[in-house]
Amino acid sequence: MKGKKTPLYETHVALGGKIVEFGGWQMPVQYSGIIEEHNTVRNKVGLFDVSHMGEIWVEGKEALDYLQHLLTNDIAIMREGETKYSPMCNFEGGTIDDLLVYKFNEELYLLVVNAANIEKDYAWMEQNIAKFEVTISNKSDEIGQVALQGPNATAVLSKLVPAEVTTLKYYHFIPGVLINGKKTLISRTGYTGEDGYEIYCMAEDVTTLWAELMEAGQEYGILPAGLGARDTLRFEACLPLYGHELSETITPLMAGIGFAVKLDKADFIGKAALKKQKTEGLKQKVMGAEITGRGIARAEYPVKAAGEVIGYVTTGSPAPTLGKNMALVLVQAACAEIGKAITVEIRGKEVDAVLVGKPFYKRK
């Protein structure tokens, strides 16, 4: 099996993690089982290794102007200590990546990007740096990252950090938090539809951090969770996955994340194309679907209405919390109506389904 390993690779093997290749990395897809890990994150707390994610620093007196030009969301309204989600688009409005921006100050930002896109993103960022007084540095290999997710996440973390850290607002972060003498950055974000934290540290400290969190979480029912549960959890919350609901041919507007595209801000890469798409109306849209017949929809399966192909599945899976088989589908906008009867071609058979609203799951 090819692929890079995170510093936690040996830990995953020791825990009985089933290793698969994902975006050029050897990662655990599951330990005790996807359903058990999924339910544990929904009801208690789970710990994920996300050290494969990329960290790119943007620094300099024109860092803000550069990011405003590069990203679709409005970075100018961010305060220090705030995190913001944003797509990064090409000139056609297609999505290069979707990422998180951490603002330290007007001249220093951290971009957290998808693991499979690190090199591509960095190259794109370099390509579009020309007129800005700014330096970018890819520190992905030096940084370890874990995600502590679920209703008990705060209780677990509070055993290791000062109280003010666990009163962090959603989408905010605190740098320089010491956990047993080791420096970490803690943000209240996540990709599961639950409350939780992402904790960054030096790559060499992440094995110790993992062990400390697992120990602190014992009384709260913590389990290590793999990529399988990460996918079913984000899928129920209808959070897009790059390469599925977003791509260089699927714009943020088509994916339904228009909230992160600020067409009223000054010019940015992809603005003209996205404005045109909004004005003329979308031709395709990502919708939710419930599979009412027997079968599980998978990515790229054809979607039909009245016998005609109208699109395809971007993600399909059982939704464990709902006890149903669901899908996210990219379909012609003319057919994108909630309640519309469709079929999904599953292994050559037409299986009944219906278009439904998103998200499938929202925490209480």
Protein backbone atom coordinates (compact mmCIF):
# COMPACT_ATOMS: atom_id res chain seq x y z
CA MET A 1 0.00 0.00 0.00
CA LYS A 2 1.40 3.36 -1.05
CA GLY A 3 0.85 6.68 0.67
CA LYS A 4 2.22 8.95 3.36
CA LYS A 5 1.73 8.15 7.02
CA THR A 6 0.70 10.58 9.75
CA PRO A 7 2.71 10.53 13.01
CA LEU A 8 -0.18 8.51 14.52
CA TYR A 9 0.12 5.64 12.02
CA GLU A 10 1.65 3.16 14.53
CA THR A 11 -1.02 4.15 17.08
CA HIS A 12 -3.78 3.28 14.59
CA VAL A 13 -2.19 -0.09 13.83
CA ALA A 14 -1.82 -0.85 17.58
CA LEU A 15 -5.51 0.02 18.08
CA GLY A 16 -6.51 -2.46 15.35
CA GLY A 17 -7.38 0.27 12.83
CA LYS A 18 -8.14 -0.99 9.33
CA ILE A 19 -5.79 1.04 7.12
CA VAL A 20 -6.80 2.26 3.64
CA GLU A 21 -5.29 4.64 1.09
CA PHE A 22 -7.06 8.04 1.16
CA GLY A 23 -5.93 11.10 -0.80
CA GLY A 24 -2.37 9.83 -0.89
CA TRP A 25 -2.32 8.90 2.82
CA GLN A 26 -2.52 5.63 4.74
CA MET A 27 -5.39 6.26 7.14
CA PRO A 28 -7.65 4.20 9.43
CA VAL A 29 -11.09 3.71 7.88
CA GLN A 30 -12.43 2.11 11.09
CA TYR A 31 -11.44 0.51 14.40
CA SER A 32 -14.39 -1.07 16.25
CA GLY A 33 -16.73 -0.50 13.29
CA ILE A 34 -18.18 2.45 11.37
CA ILE A 35 -21.67 2.30 12.92
CA GLU A 36 -20.38 2.05 16.49
CA GLU A 37 -17.92 4.89 15.94
CA HIS A 38 -20.62 7.02 14.25
CA ASN A 39 -23.12 6.50 17.09
CA THR A 40 -20.45 7.17 19.71
CA VAL A 41 -19.68 10.58 18.15
CA ARG A 42 -23.41 11.40 17.94
CA ASN A 43 -24.09 10.39 21.57
CA LYS A 44 -20.78 10.55 23.47
CA VAL A 45 -17.39 11.51 22.02
CA GLY A 46 -14.93 10.32 19.37
CA LEU A 47 -11.32 11.17 18.50
CA PHE A 48 -10.12 11.48 14.90
CA ASP A 49 -6.62 11.75 13.47
CA VAL A 50 -6.71 14.64 10.99
CA SER A 51 -2.95 15.18 10.82
CA HIS A 52 -3.11 14.56 7.07
CA MET A 53 -4.84 17.94 6.58
CA GLY A 54 -2.69 20.75 5.17
CA GLU A 55 -1.57 23.90 6.98
CA ILE A 56 -0.44 26.87 4.86
CA TRP A 57 0.61 30.13 6.53
CA VAL A 58 -0.01 33.49 4.87
CA GLU A 59 2.04 36.36 6.28
CA GLY A 60 2.82 39.95 5.30
CA LYS A 61 1.41 43.43 5.22
CA GLU A 62 -0.89 42.61 2.29
CA ALA A 63 -2.02 39.23 3.65
CA LEU A 64 -5.62 40.42 3.99
CA ASP A 65 -5.79 41.88 0.45
CA TYR A 66 -4.28 38.67 -0.92
CA LEU A 67 -6.82 36.44 0.84
CA GLN A 68 -9.70 38.71 -0.21
CA HIS A 69 -8.53 38.23 -3.82
CA LEU A 70 -8.02 34.47 -3.44
CA LEU A 71 -11.12 33.41 -1.47
CA THR A 72 -14.87 33.80 -2.01
CA ASN A 73 -15.81 34.60 1.60
CA ASP A 74 -15.29 38.01 3.22
CA ILE A 75 -12.04 37.83 5.17
CA ALA A 76 -12.09 41.59 5.95
CA ILE A 77 -14.86 41.19 8.54
CA MET A 78 -12.93 38.55 10.51
CA ARG A 79 -11.69 39.38 14.00
CA GLU A 80 -8.50 38.08 15.58
CA GLY A 81 -9.09 34.61 17.01
CA GLU A 82 -11.88 33.86 14.52
CA THR A 83 -12.10 30.98 12.05
CA LYS A 84 -14.00 31.21 8.75
CA TYR A 85 -14.97 28.62 6.15
CA SER A 86 -14.34 29.57 2.52
CA PRO A 87 -14.14 28.03 -0.92
CA MET A 88 -11.17 28.97 -3.13
CA CYS A 89 -12.22 29.10 -6.78
CA ASN A 90 -10.66 29.15 -10.24
CA PHE A 91 -11.51 31.85 -12.79
CA GLU A 92 -14.48 29.78 -14.07
CA GLY A 93 -15.98 29.65 -10.57
CA GLY A 94 -15.09 25.97 -10.13
CA THR A 95 -13.80 24.98 -6.70
CA ILE A 96 -10.04 24.52 -6.24
CA ASP A 97 -10.67 23.61 -2.58
CA ASP A 98 -12.77 24.43 0.47
CA LEU A 99 -10.81 25.42 3.55
CA LEU A 100 -10.70 27.08 6.96
CA VAL A 101 -9.07 30.47 7.55
CA TYR A 102 -7.65 31.27 11.02
CA LYS A 103 -6.97 34.96 11.66
CA PHE A 104 -4.13 35.71 14.10
CA ASN A 105 -3.86 39.39 13.10
CA GLU A 106 -4.11 41.57 9.96
CA GLU A 107 -0.74 40.24 8.76
CA LEU A 108 -0.89 36.57 9.79
CA TYR A 109 -3.38 33.88 8.78
CA LEU A 110 -3.42 30.09 8.75
CA LEU A 111 -5.24 28.19 5.96
CA VAL A 112 -6.24 24.61 6.72
CA VAL A 113 -6.76 22.75 3.45
CA ASN A 114 -7.82 19.28 2.35
CA ALA A 115 -5.11 16.61 2.48
CA ALA A 116 -5.36 15.53 -1.16
CA ASN A 117 -5.15 19.16 -2.35
CA ILE A 118 -2.11 20.49 -0.43
CA GLU A 119 0.29 20.63 -3.39
CA LYS A 120 -2.38 21.84 -5.84
CA ASP A 121 -3.57 24.58 -3.45
CA TYR A 122 -0.06 25.77 -2.71
CA ALA A 123 0.77 25.95 -6.43
CA TRP A 124 -2.45 27.92 -7.09
CA MET A 125 -1.68 30.29 -4.21
CA GLU A 126 1.84 30.88 -5.57
CA GLN A 127 0.49 31.44 -9.08
CA ASN A 128 -1.78 34.24 -7.83
CA ILE A 129 0.59 35.99 -5.43
CA ALA A 130 2.33 38.31 -7.94
CA LYS A 131 1.05 41.74 -6.96
CA PHE A 132 0.84 41.17 -3.21
CA GLU A 133 3.49 41.78 -0.55
CA VAL A 134 3.03 38.47 1.21
CA THR A 135 4.83 35.19 1.86
CA ILE A 136 3.19 31.77 1.98
CA SER A 137 4.68 28.71 3.64
CA ASN A 138 3.45 25.13 3.65
CA LYS A 139 4.03 23.75 7.17
CA SER A 140 1.77 20.70 6.76
CA ASP A 141 4.48 18.16 7.65
CA GLU A 142 5.39 19.97 10.88
CA ILE A 143 1.88 20.07 12.34
CA GLY A 144 -0.22 17.31 13.88
CA GLN A 145 -3.97 17.67 14.27
CA VAL A 146 -6.73 15.71 16.01
CA ALA A 147 -10.49 16.32 16.14
CA LEU A 148 -12.40 15.69 19.37
CA GLN A 149 -16.08 15.51 18.42
CA GLY A 150 -19.38 14.81 20.15
CA PRO A 151 -21.64 16.02 23.01
CA ASN A 152 -19.01 15.03 25.62
CA ALA A 153 -16.09 16.76 23.86
CA THR A 154 -16.12 19.76 26.22
CA ALA A 155 -16.15 17.54 29.32
CA VAL A 156 -13.12 15.61 28.02
CA LEU A 157 -11.14 18.69 27.01
CA SER A 158 -11.87 20.49 30.29
CA LYS A 159 -9.81 17.83 32.10
CA LEU A 160 -6.71 19.00 30.21
CA VAL A 161 -7.07 22.75 29.63
CA PRO A 162 -8.06 25.95 31.52
CA ALA A 163 -11.80 26.64 31.76
CA GLU A 164 -11.76 29.61 29.32
CA VAL A 165 -10.71 27.30 26.49
CA THR A 166 -13.93 25.28 26.71
CA THR A 167 -16.07 28.45 26.69
CA LEU A 168 -14.72 29.26 23.21
CA LYS A 169 -17.42 30.40 20.80
CA TYR A 170 -18.12 28.26 17.71
CA TYR A 171 -15.66 29.02 14.89
CA HIS A 172 -13.15 30.71 17.21
CA PHE A 173 -9.71 29.57 18.35
CA ILE A 174 -7.06 30.09 21.03
CA PRO A 175 -3.36 29.68 20.19
CA GLY A 176 -0.63 28.79 22.70
CA VAL A 177 -2.75 26.56 24.97
CA LEU A 178 -0.47 24.30 27.04
CA ILE A 179 -1.47 20.65 27.46
CA ASN A 180 1.00 19.07 29.88
CA GLY A 181 3.65 21.59 28.88
CA LYS A 182 3.17 21.11 25.12
CA LYS A 183 1.93 24.04 23.00
CA THR A 184 -1.35 23.56 21.11
CA LEU A 185 -3.85 25.64 19.15
CA ILE A 186 -7.47 24.78 19.91
CA SER A 187 -10.44 25.74 17.73
CA ARG A 188 -14.13 24.99 18.20
CA THR A 189 -14.96 23.63 14.77
CA GLY A 190 -15.65 20.25 13.27
CA TYR A 191 -16.91 18.20 10.40
CA THR A 192 -19.41 15.89 12.07
CA GLY A 193 -22.51 17.98 12.78
CA GLU A 194 -21.69 17.80 16.51
CA ASP A 195 -19.99 20.17 18.94
CA GLY A 196 -16.26 19.63 19.13
CA TYR A 197 -12.72 20.89 18.83
CA GLU A 198 -9.79 20.62 16.46
CA ILE A 199 -6.48 20.59 18.30
CA TYR A 200 -3.20 21.40 16.53
CA CYS A 201 0.27 20.72 17.87
CA MET A 202 3.79 20.00 16.65
CA ALA A 203 3.87 16.73 14.70
CA GLU A 204 6.22 15.14 17.25
CA ASP A 205 3.75 15.88 20.10
CA VAL A 206 0.61 14.44 18.51
CA THR A 207 1.09 10.84 19.71
CA THR A 208 1.26 12.02 23.34
CA LEU A 209 -1.71 14.37 22.81
CA TRP A 210 -3.78 11.50 21.39
CA ALA A 211 -2.97 9.29 24.41
CA GLU A 212 -3.85 12.08 26.87
CA LEU A 213 -7.20 12.77 25.18
CA MET A 214 -8.06 9.05 25.04
CA GLU A 215 -7.27 8.71 28.76
CA ALA A 216 -9.25 11.86 29.68
CA GLY A 217 -12.18 10.52 27.65
CA GLN A 218 -12.41 7.04 29.21
CA GLU A 219 -15.17 7.98 31.68
CA TYR A 220 -17.10 9.71 28.87
CA GLY A 221 -17.16 6.68 26.55
CA ILE A 222 -14.56 7.96 24.06
CA LEU A 223 -13.66 5.85 21.02
CA PRO A 224 -11.10 6.39 18.26
CA ALA A 225 -12.99 7.05 15.02
CA GLY A 226 -11.85 6.52 11.44
CA LEU A 227 -12.55 7.94 7.99
CA GLY A 228 -15.67 5.80 7.59
CA ALA A 229 -17.49 7.44 10.51
CA ARG A 230 -16.09 10.83 9.54
CA ASP A 231 -17.79 10.42 6.18
CA THR A 232 -21.18 9.17 7.46
CA LEU A 233 -21.26 11.92 10.11
CA ARG A 234 -20.49 14.77 7.70
CA PHE A 235 -22.85 13.20 5.15
CA GLU A 236 -25.83 13.24 7.57
CA ALA A 237 -25.07 16.91 8.30
CA CYS A 238 -24.79 17.47 4.49
CA LEU A 239 -21.33 19.02 4.78
CA PRO A 240 -19.63 18.87 1.36
CA LEU A 241 -16.63 16.64 0.72
CA TYR A 242 -14.14 17.90 -1.84
CA GLY A 243 -14.09 15.66 -4.92
CA HIS A 244 -17.75 14.74 -4.34
CA GLU A 245 -20.06 17.76 -3.69
CA LEU A 246 -17.36 20.26 -4.69
CA SER A 247 -14.83 20.09 -7.53
CA GLU A 248 -13.26 22.15 -10.27
CA THR A 249 -16.50 21.68 -12.22
CA ILE A 250 -18.89 22.05 -9.25
CA THR A 251 -19.07 25.64 -8.02
CA PRO A 252 -19.92 26.60 -4.42
CA LEU A 253 -23.30 27.92 -5.65
CA MET A 254 -24.15 24.55 -7.23
CA ALA A 255 -23.10 22.82 -4.00
CA GLY A 256 -25.48 24.97 -1.95
CA ILE A 257 -22.81 26.83 0.03
CA GLY A 258 -23.60 30.27 -1.36
CA PHE A 259 -23.42 31.63 2.22
CA ALA A 260 -19.62 31.45 1.83
CA VAL A 261 -19.60 33.36 -1.48
CA LYS A 262 -19.78 37.13 -0.97
CA LEU A 263 -20.55 38.57 -4.40
CA ASP A 264 -20.84 42.09 -2.94
CA LYS A 265 -17.16 42.27 -1.90
CA ALA A 266 -14.39 43.64 -4.15
CA ASP A 267 -13.15 41.54 -7.03
CA PHE A 268 -11.93 38.02 -6.28
CA ILE A 269 -10.92 35.05 -8.42
CA GLY A 270 -14.07 33.50 -9.90
CA LYS A 271 -16.35 36.42 -8.99
CA ALA A 272 -17.43 37.24 -12.56
CA ALA A 273 -18.24 33.61 -13.34
CA LEU A 274 -20.13 33.08 -10.07
CA LYS A 275 -22.07 36.34 -10.51
CA LYS A 276 -23.06 35.25 -14.01
CA GLN A 277 -24.12 31.84 -12.71
CA LYS A 278 -26.28 33.45 -10.03
CA THR A 279 -27.85 35.98 -12.42
CA GLU A 280 -28.60 33.45 -15.16
CA GLY A 281 -29.71 30.77 -12.69
CA LEU A 282 -28.02 27.50 -11.83
CA LYS A 283 -28.14 24.69 -14.37
CA GLN A 284 -27.37 22.00 -11.75
CA LYS A 285 -27.78 21.75 -7.99
CA VAL A 286 -26.71 19.42 -5.20
CA MET A 287 -29.88 18.05 -3.54
CA GLY A 288 -30.66 15.55 -0.84
CA ALA A 289 -32.36 12.24 -1.69
CA GLU A 290 -33.92 9.43 0.31
CA ILE A 291 -33.68 5.98 -1.24
CA THR A 292 -37.18 4.56 -0.75
CA GLY A 293 -36.54 1.32 -2.64
CA ARG A 294 -34.02 -1.38 -1.71
CA GLY A 295 -30.37 -0.56 -2.20
CA ILE A 296 -27.53 1.77 -1.32
CA ALA A 297 -26.66 4.57 -3.72
CA ARG A 298 -22.94 5.15 -4.30
CA ALA A 299 -20.96 8.01 -5.87
CA GLU A 300 -21.38 8.38 -9.64
CA TYR A 301 -24.50 6.20 -9.92
CA PRO A 302 -26.89 7.74 -12.51
CA VAL A 303 -29.99 9.59 -11.27
CA LYS A 304 -33.11 9.59 -13.47
CA ALA A 305 -36.53 11.24 -13.58
CA ALA A 306 -39.23 9.88 -15.90
CA GLY A 307 -36.61 7.56 -17.44
CA GLU A 308 -34.23 10.38 -18.41
CA VAL A 309 -30.79 10.84 -16.79
CA ILE A 310 -30.89 14.13 -14.84
CA GLY A 311 -27.65 13.81 -12.87
CA TYR A 312 -25.63 11.54 -10.64
CA VAL A 313 -24.96 10.64 -7.01
CA THR A 314 -22.12 12.62 -5.38
CA THR A 315 -22.24 10.69 -2.06
CA GLY A 316 -24.49 7.78 -1.10
CA SER A 317 -24.56 5.82 2.15
CA PRO A 318 -26.72 4.48 4.91
CA ALA A 319 -27.43 7.30 7.42
CA PRO A 320 -27.06 5.45 10.75
CA THR A 321 -28.76 8.13 12.89
CA LEU A 322 -31.80 8.16 10.59
CA GLY A 323 -31.91 4.42 9.90
CA LYS A 324 -32.39 5.18 6.20
CA ASN A 325 -30.36 5.02 2.99
CA MET A 326 -29.69 8.55 1.77
CA ALA A 327 -27.77 10.29 -1.00
CA LEU A 328 -26.49 13.66 -2.13
CA VAL A 329 -27.12 14.07 -5.85
CA LEU A 330 -26.11 16.64 -8.47
CA VAL A 331 -29.16 17.08 -10.70
CA GLN A 332 -30.50 19.48 -13.33
CA ALA A 333 -31.86 22.57 -11.59
CA ALA A 334 -35.17 22.23 -13.49
CA CYS A 335 -35.74 18.92 -11.66
CA ALA A 336 -34.43 20.06 -8.25
CA GLU A 337 -37.71 20.11 -6.33
CA ILE A 338 -38.18 18.67 -2.87
CA GLY A 339 -40.68 15.80 -3.07
CA LYS A 340 -39.84 14.96 -6.69
CA ALA A 341 -39.81 11.23 -7.47
CA ILE A 342 -36.53 10.01 -8.98
CA THR A 343 -34.74 6.71 -9.48
CA VAL A 344 -31.11 5.83 -8.86
CA GLU A 345 -29.52 3.19 -11.04
CA ILE A 346 -27.97 0.78 -8.52
CA ARG A 347 -26.05 -2.07 -10.19
CA GLY A 348 -28.14 -1.84 -13.35
CA LYS A 349 -31.47 -1.69 -11.48
CA GLU A 350 -33.69 1.39 -11.18
CA VAL A 351 -34.37 1.98 -7.48
CA ASP A 352 -37.04 4.43 -6.28
CA ALA A 353 -35.98 7.56 -4.42
CA VAL A 354 -37.29 11.04 -3.63
CA LEU A 355 -35.58 14.43 -3.43
CA VAL A 356 -35.54 15.80 0.15
CA GLY A 357 -34.27 18.86 2.02
CA LYS A 358 -30.81 19.26 3.57
CA PRO A 359 -29.32 18.68 6.09
CA PHE A 360 -30.56 15.18 6.91
CA TYR A 361 -29.47 15.60 10.55
CA LYS A 362 -29.19 18.64 12.82
CA ARG A 363 -28.08 18.41 16.42
CA LYS A 364 -30.59 19.45 19.07
